[in-house]
C-alpha atoms as a PDB file:
ATOM      1  CA  MET A   1      42.082  16.971  27.760  1.00  0.00           C
ATOM      2  CA  TRP A   2      40.914  15.860  31.151  1.00  0.00           C
ATOM      3  CA  SER A   3      41.334  12.854  33.370  1.00  0.00           C
ATOM      4  CA  THR A   4      37.937  11.159  33.050  1.00  0.00           C
ATOM      5  CA  VAL A   5      36.657   7.793  34.211  1.00  0.00           C
ATOM      6  CA  ASP A   6      37.552   6.572  30.688  1.00  0.00           C
ATOM      7  CA  GLY A   7      41.115   7.886  30.906  1.00  0.00           C
ATOM      8  CA  ILE A   8      42.610  11.150  29.742  1.00  0.00           C
ATOM      9  CA  ARG A   9      40.560  12.499  26.851  1.00  0.00           C
ATOM     10  CA  LYS A  10      38.811  15.539  25.481  1.00  0.00           C
ATOM     11  CA  LEU A  11      35.046  15.631  25.502  1.00  0.00           C
ATOM     12  CA  THR A  12      33.325  15.371  22.131  1.00  0.00           C
ATOM     13  CA  GLY A  13      29.808  15.164  20.730  1.00  0.00           C
ATOM     14  CA  PRO A  14      26.907  15.686  23.136  1.00  0.00           C
ATOM     15  CA  GLU A  15      29.230  15.737  26.175  1.00  0.00           C
ATOM     16  CA  ALA A  16      31.198  18.610  24.653  1.00  0.00           C
ATOM     17  CA  GLU A  17      27.991  20.427  23.691  1.00  0.00           C
ATOM     18  CA  LEU A  18      26.680  20.140  27.252  1.00  0.00           C
ATOM     19  CA  VAL A  19      29.902  21.471  28.783  1.00  0.00           C
ATOM     20  CA  ARG A  20      30.266  24.218  26.157  1.00  0.00           C
ATOM     21  CA  SER A  21      26.673  25.357  26.693  1.00  0.00           C
ATOM     22  CA  GLY A  22      26.943  25.062  30.483  1.00  0.00           C
ATOM     23  CA  CYS A  23      30.103  27.177  30.494  1.00  0.00           C
ATOM     24  CA  GLN A  24      28.425  29.810  28.355  1.00  0.00           C
ATOM     25  CA  VAL A  25      25.442  30.051  30.704  1.00  0.00           C
ATOM     26  CA  VAL A  26      27.746  30.375  33.736  1.00  0.00           C
ATOM     27  CA  ALA A  27      29.732  33.109  31.954  1.00  0.00           C
ATOM     28  CA  ASP A  28      26.492  34.909  31.028  1.00  0.00           C
ATOM     29  CA  ARG A  29      25.232  34.691  34.606  1.00  0.00           C
ATOM     30  CA  LEU A  30      28.510  36.101  35.949  1.00  0.00           C
ATOM     31  CA  ALA A  31      28.292  38.969  33.467  1.00  0.00           C
ATOM     32  CA  GLN A  32      24.661  39.699  34.377  1.00  0.00           C
ATOM     33  CA  HIS A  33      25.325  39.691  38.109  1.00  0.00           C
ATOM     34  CA  HIS A  34      28.528  41.695  38.149  1.00  0.00           C
ATOM     35  CA  ASP A  35      27.878  43.422  41.464  1.00  0.00           C
ATOM     36  CA  VAL A  36      30.825  43.708  43.833  1.00  0.00           C
ATOM     37  CA  ASP A  37      28.581  44.264  46.859  1.00  0.00           C
ATOM     38  CA  SER A  38      26.324  41.254  46.241  1.00  0.00           C
ATOM     39  CA  PRO A  39      27.697  38.961  43.511  1.00  0.00           C
ATOM     40  CA  PHE A  40      25.762  35.918  42.346  1.00  0.00           C
ATOM     41  CA  ARG A  41      26.571  32.849  44.432  1.00  0.00           C
ATOM     42  CA  TYR A  42      26.203  29.206  43.414  1.00  0.00           C
ATOM     43  CA  GLY A  43      26.608  27.916  46.958  1.00  0.00           C
ATOM     44  CA  ILE A  44      29.919  26.219  46.090  1.00  0.00           C
ATOM     45  CA  ASP A  45      32.484  28.009  48.229  1.00  0.00           C
ATOM     46  CA  TRP A  46      35.488  26.800  46.258  1.00  0.00           C
ATOM     47  CA  PHE A  47      34.095  28.774  43.312  1.00  0.00           C
ATOM     48  CA  ASP A  48      32.095  31.554  44.957  1.00  0.00           C
ATOM     49  CA  GLN A  49      35.025  32.816  47.042  1.00  0.00           C
ATOM     50  CA  TRP A  50      36.939  34.180  44.043  1.00  0.00           C
ATOM     51  CA  GLU A  51      36.647  37.564  42.343  1.00  0.00           C
ATOM     52  CA  ASP A  52      34.646  37.701  39.094  1.00  0.00           C
ATOM     53  CA  GLN A  53      37.757  37.783  36.892  1.00  0.00           C
ATOM     54  CA  GLN A  54      39.155  34.757  38.704  1.00  0.00           C
ATOM     55  CA  LYS A  55      35.856  32.895  38.231  1.00  0.00           C
ATOM     56  CA  ARG A  56      35.925  33.693  34.524  1.00  0.00           C
ATOM     57  CA  TRP A  57      39.527  32.507  34.329  1.00  0.00           C
ATOM     58  CA  LEU A  58      38.643  29.241  36.088  1.00  0.00           C
ATOM     59  CA  LEU A  59      35.709  28.701  33.756  1.00  0.00           C
ATOM     60  CA  GLN A  60      37.840  29.354  30.667  1.00  0.00           C
ATOM     61  CA  GLN A  61      40.630  27.056  31.868  1.00  0.00           C
ATOM     62  CA  VAL A  62      38.224  24.207  32.613  1.00  0.00           C
ATOM     63  CA  ARG A  63      36.405  24.699  29.306  1.00  0.00           C
ATOM     64  CA  GLU A  64      39.652  24.618  27.327  1.00  0.00           C
ATOM     65  CA  ALA A  65      40.958  21.599  29.212  1.00  0.00           C
ATOM     66  CA  LEU A  66      37.746  19.600  28.759  1.00  0.00           C
ATOM     67  CA  LEU A  67      37.294  20.467  25.081  1.00  0.00           C
ATOM     68  CA  SER A  68      40.830  20.641  23.664  1.00  0.00           C
ATOM     69  CA  ASP A  69      43.947  18.524  23.267  1.00  0.00           C
ATOM     70  CA  GLN A  70      45.928  20.555  25.798  1.00  0.00           C
ATOM     71  CA  VAL A  71      47.613  18.771  28.698  1.00  0.00           C
ATOM     72  CA  PRO A  72      45.185  18.351  31.627  1.00  0.00           C
ATOM     73  CA  PRO A  73      45.788  20.621  34.624  1.00  0.00           C
ATOM     74  CA  ARG A  74      47.140  19.230  37.878  1.00  0.00           C
ATOM     75  CA  PRO A  75      44.250  18.109  40.110  1.00  0.00           C
ATOM     76  CA  ALA A  76      42.995  20.923  42.326  1.00  0.00           C
ATOM     77  CA  ALA A  77      39.896  21.735  44.334  1.00  0.00           C
ATOM     78  CA  MET A  78      39.328  24.866  42.263  1.00  0.00           C
ATOM     79  CA  TRP A  79      38.934  22.814  39.054  1.00  0.00           C
ATOM     80  CA  GLU A  80      36.519  20.333  40.614  1.00  0.00           C
ATOM     81  CA  ALA A  81      34.409  23.128  42.105  1.00  0.00           C
ATOM     82  CA  THR A  82      34.242  24.881  38.734  1.00  0.00           C
ATOM     83  CA  ILE A  83      33.002  21.671  37.112  1.00  0.00           C
ATOM     84  CA  ASP A  84      30.389  21.349  39.858  1.00  0.00           C
ATOM     85  CA  VAL A  85      29.227  24.887  39.063  1.00  0.00           C
ATOM     86  CA  ILE A  86      28.863  23.998  35.377  1.00  0.00           C
ATOM     87  CA  PHE A  87      26.708  20.954  36.167  1.00  0.00           C
ATOM     88  CA  LEU A  88      24.708  22.895  38.760  1.00  0.00           C
ATOM     89  CA  GLU A  89      23.958  25.435  36.044  1.00  0.00           C
ATOM     90  CA  VAL A  90      22.873  22.617  33.708  1.00  0.00           C
ATOM     91  CA  LEU A  91      20.374  21.524  36.364  1.00  0.00           C
ATOM     92  CA  THR A  92      19.140  25.114  36.688  1.00  0.00           C
ATOM     93  CA  GLN A  93      18.679  25.279  32.921  1.00  0.00           C
ATOM     94  CA  LEU A  94      16.697  22.018  32.983  1.00  0.00           C
ATOM     95  CA  GLU A  95      14.360  23.458  35.590  1.00  0.00           C
ATOM     96  CA  GLN A  96      13.930  26.711  33.682  1.00  0.00           C
ATOM     97  CA  GLU A  97      13.245  25.045  30.351  1.00  0.00           C
ATOM     98  CA  CYS A  98      10.444  23.017  31.924  1.00  0.00           C
ATOM     99  CA  GLU A  99       8.742  26.253  32.949  1.00  0.00           C
ATOM    100  CA  VAL A 100       8.683  27.463  29.329  1.00  0.00           C
ATOM    101  CA  GLY A 101       8.001  24.111  27.664  1.00  0.00           C
ATOM    102  CA  MET A 102      11.388  23.572  26.012  1.00  0.00           C
ATOM    103  CA  THR A 103      13.316  20.269  26.015  1.00  0.00           C
ATOM    104  CA  TRP A 104      16.783  20.998  24.573  1.00  0.00           C
ATOM    105  CA  TRP A 105      18.771  20.513  27.807  1.00  0.00           C
ATOM    106  CA  ARG A 106      16.810  17.399  28.786  1.00  0.00           C
ATOM    107  CA  GLU A 107      17.298  15.830  25.356  1.00  0.00           C
ATOM    108  CA  LEU A 108      21.026  16.521  25.529  1.00  0.00           C
ATOM    109  CA  VAL A 109      21.380  14.951  29.001  1.00  0.00           C
ATOM    110  CA  LEU A 110      19.342  11.904  27.998  1.00  0.00           C
ATOM    111  CA  SER A 111      21.380  11.398  24.819  1.00  0.00           C
ATOM    112  CA  ILE A 112      24.603  11.360  26.838  1.00  0.00           C
ATOM    113  CA  LEU A 113      23.139   8.919  29.374  1.00  0.00           C
ATOM    114  CA  GLY A 114      21.753   6.740  26.576  1.00  0.00           C
ATOM    115  CA  LEU A 115      18.180   6.981  27.861  1.00  0.00           C
ATOM    116  CA  GLU A 116      15.043   7.039  25.749  1.00  0.00           C
ATOM    117  CA  ASP A 117      13.357  10.274  24.687  1.00  0.00           C
ATOM    118  CA  ASP A 118      10.243   9.086  26.564  1.00  0.00           C
ATOM    119  CA  PHE A 119      11.757  10.648  29.681  1.00  0.00           C
ATOM    120  CA  VAL A 120      12.053  14.123  28.125  1.00  0.00           C
ATOM    121  CA  ALA A 121       8.523  15.253  28.927  1.00  0.00           C
ATOM    122  CA  GLU A 122       8.846  14.269  32.566  1.00  0.00           C
ATOM    123  CA  PHE A 123      10.300  16.687  35.047  1.00  0.00           C
ATOM    124  CA  ASP A 124      10.783  15.451  38.548  1.00  0.00           C
ATOM    125  CA  ALA A 125      13.488  17.594  40.188  1.00  0.00           C
ATOM    126  CA  PRO A 126      15.015  14.810  42.356  1.00  0.00           C
ATOM    127  CA  ILE A 127      15.224  12.447  39.377  1.00  0.00           C
ATOM    128  CA  TRP A 128      16.874  15.060  37.163  1.00  0.00           C
ATOM    129  CA  ARG A 129      19.241  16.044  39.986  1.00  0.00           C
ATOM    130  CA  THR A 130      20.264  12.372  40.174  1.00  0.00           C
ATOM    131  CA  ARG A 131      20.705  12.216  36.386  1.00  0.00           C
ATOM    132  CA  ILE A 132      22.934  15.287  36.364  1.00  0.00           C
ATOM    133  CA  THR A 133      25.030  13.866  39.215  1.00  0.00           C
ATOM    134  CA  GLN A 134      25.294  10.538  37.364  1.00  0.00           C
ATOM    135  CA  LEU A 135      26.313  12.369  34.233  1.00  0.00           C
ATOM    136  CA  ALA A 136      29.025  14.413  35.973  1.00  0.00           C
ATOM    137  CA  ASP A 137      30.310  11.276  37.734  1.00  0.00           C
ATOM    138  CA  LEU A 138      30.137   9.246  34.511  1.00  0.00           C
ATOM    139  CA  ILE A 139      32.256  11.748  32.639  1.00  0.00           C
ATOM    140  CA  LEU A 140      34.583  13.095  35.316  1.00  0.00           C
ATOM    141  CA  GLY A 141      34.311  10.850  38.348  1.00  0.00           C
ATOM    142  CA  ALA A 142      33.285  11.856  41.837  1.00  0.00           C
ATOM    143  CA  PRO A 143      34.905  15.094  43.046  1.00  0.00           C
ATOM    144  CA  SER A 144      37.225  14.996  46.055  1.00  0.00           C
ATOM    145  CA  TYR A 145      37.418  18.634  47.113  1.00  0.00           C
ATOM    146  CA  GLN A 146      34.560  18.616  49.633  1.00  0.00           C
ATOM    147  CA  LYS A 147      35.841  15.537  51.420  1.00  0.00           C
ATOM    148  CA  ALA A 148      39.410  16.877  51.334  1.00  0.00           C
ATOM    149  CA  GLU A 149      38.186  20.076  52.954  1.00  0.00           C
ATOM    150  CA  ALA A 150      36.614  18.012  55.757  1.00  0.00           C
ATOM    151  CA  PHE A 151      39.914  16.185  56.268  1.00  0.00           C
ATOM    152  CA  ARG A 152      41.729  19.521  56.499  1.00  0.00           C
ATOM    153  CA  ASP A 153      39.593  20.288  59.562  1.00  0.00           C
ATOM    154  CA  ARG A 154      40.850  17.069  61.184  1.00  0.00           C
ATOM    155  CA  GLY A 155      44.473  18.096  60.904  1.00  0.00           C
ATOM    156  CA  PRO A 156      47.399  18.003  58.482  1.00  0.00           C
ATOM    157  CA  LYS A 157      48.197  14.301  58.954  1.00  0.00           C
ATOM    158  CA  GLU A 158      44.626  13.253  58.169  1.00  0.00           C
ATOM    159  CA  LEU A 159      44.545  15.498  55.112  1.00  0.00           C
ATOM    160  CA  THR A 160      47.905  14.232  53.852  1.00  0.00           C
ATOM    161  CA  ARG A 161      46.770  10.632  54.267  1.00  0.00           C
ATOM    162  CA  TYR A 162      43.507  11.321  52.411  1.00  0.00           C
ATOM    163  CA  LEU A 163      45.249  13.109  49.533  1.00  0.00           C
ATOM    164  CA  MET A 164      47.791  10.297  49.201  1.00  0.00           C
ATOM    165  CA  GLN A 165      45.052   7.631  49.195  1.00  0.00           C
ATOM    166  CA  LYS A 166      43.240   9.494  46.413  1.00  0.00           C
ATOM    167  CA  GLY A 167      46.440  10.087  44.421  1.00  0.00           C
ATOM    168  CA  LEU A 168      46.015  13.846  44.724  1.00  0.00           C
ATOM    169  CA  PRO A 169      48.877  16.357  44.991  1.00  0.00           C
ATOM    170  CA  ALA A 170      49.783  17.745  48.398  1.00  0.00           C
ATOM    171  CA  ASP A 171      48.738  21.234  47.245  1.00  0.00           C
ATOM    172  CA  PHE A 172      45.279  20.098  46.053  1.00  0.00           C
ATOM    173  CA  LEU A 173      43.553  22.546  48.436  1.00  0.00           C
ATOM    174  CA  GLU A 174      46.201  25.249  48.084  1.00  0.00           C
ATOM    175  CA  GLN A 175      46.107  25.968  44.349  1.00  0.00           C
ATOM    176  CA  ILE A 176      44.246  29.208  43.641  1.00  0.00           C
ATOM    177  CA  PRO A 177      43.454  31.186  40.499  1.00  0.00           C
ATOM    178  CA  PRO A 178      45.748  34.093  39.702  1.00  0.00           C
ATOM    179  CA  TRP A 179      44.745  37.616  40.620  1.00  0.00           C
ATOM    180  CA  ILE A 180      43.483  39.253  37.431  1.00  0.00           C
ATOM    181  CA  LYS A 181      42.825  42.961  37.069  1.00  0.00           C
END
């Protein structure tokens, strides 16, 4: 279960299928690019900074929390960044399917957003980027980790105030995945 904009719930139906498929693609990409010297990077530091095993652990924890009845994890930057990676991968899959003439990812996104299938054939990268952002925000709300990181640069008092205003734990930016051999 996860704290969503609709309350604490587990994702079901098309939402669950999107997250399940997105997680699988991220896991596949990590497995394909298992190179210690130059690992694959998503451009999301709160995810990219970890070792491959830690990334896999984060992905598995988020997947289980979003798709099961387990108690949601305490809010942390690492969880939000992992979710951003999943939705970034969904966008990548949308772009790739357009190149080969498929529509599965687009149909799934549109079904969740409640939009007509007329939009499936269209591919305008900025529009689809907006749709994916809307979808992530619709399900999970806007992430706080990037803004919290900016407040950390301003000093501990500013960060503490921001975290309190958002109802986030004091260790929101300090929680890290365990070291896994």
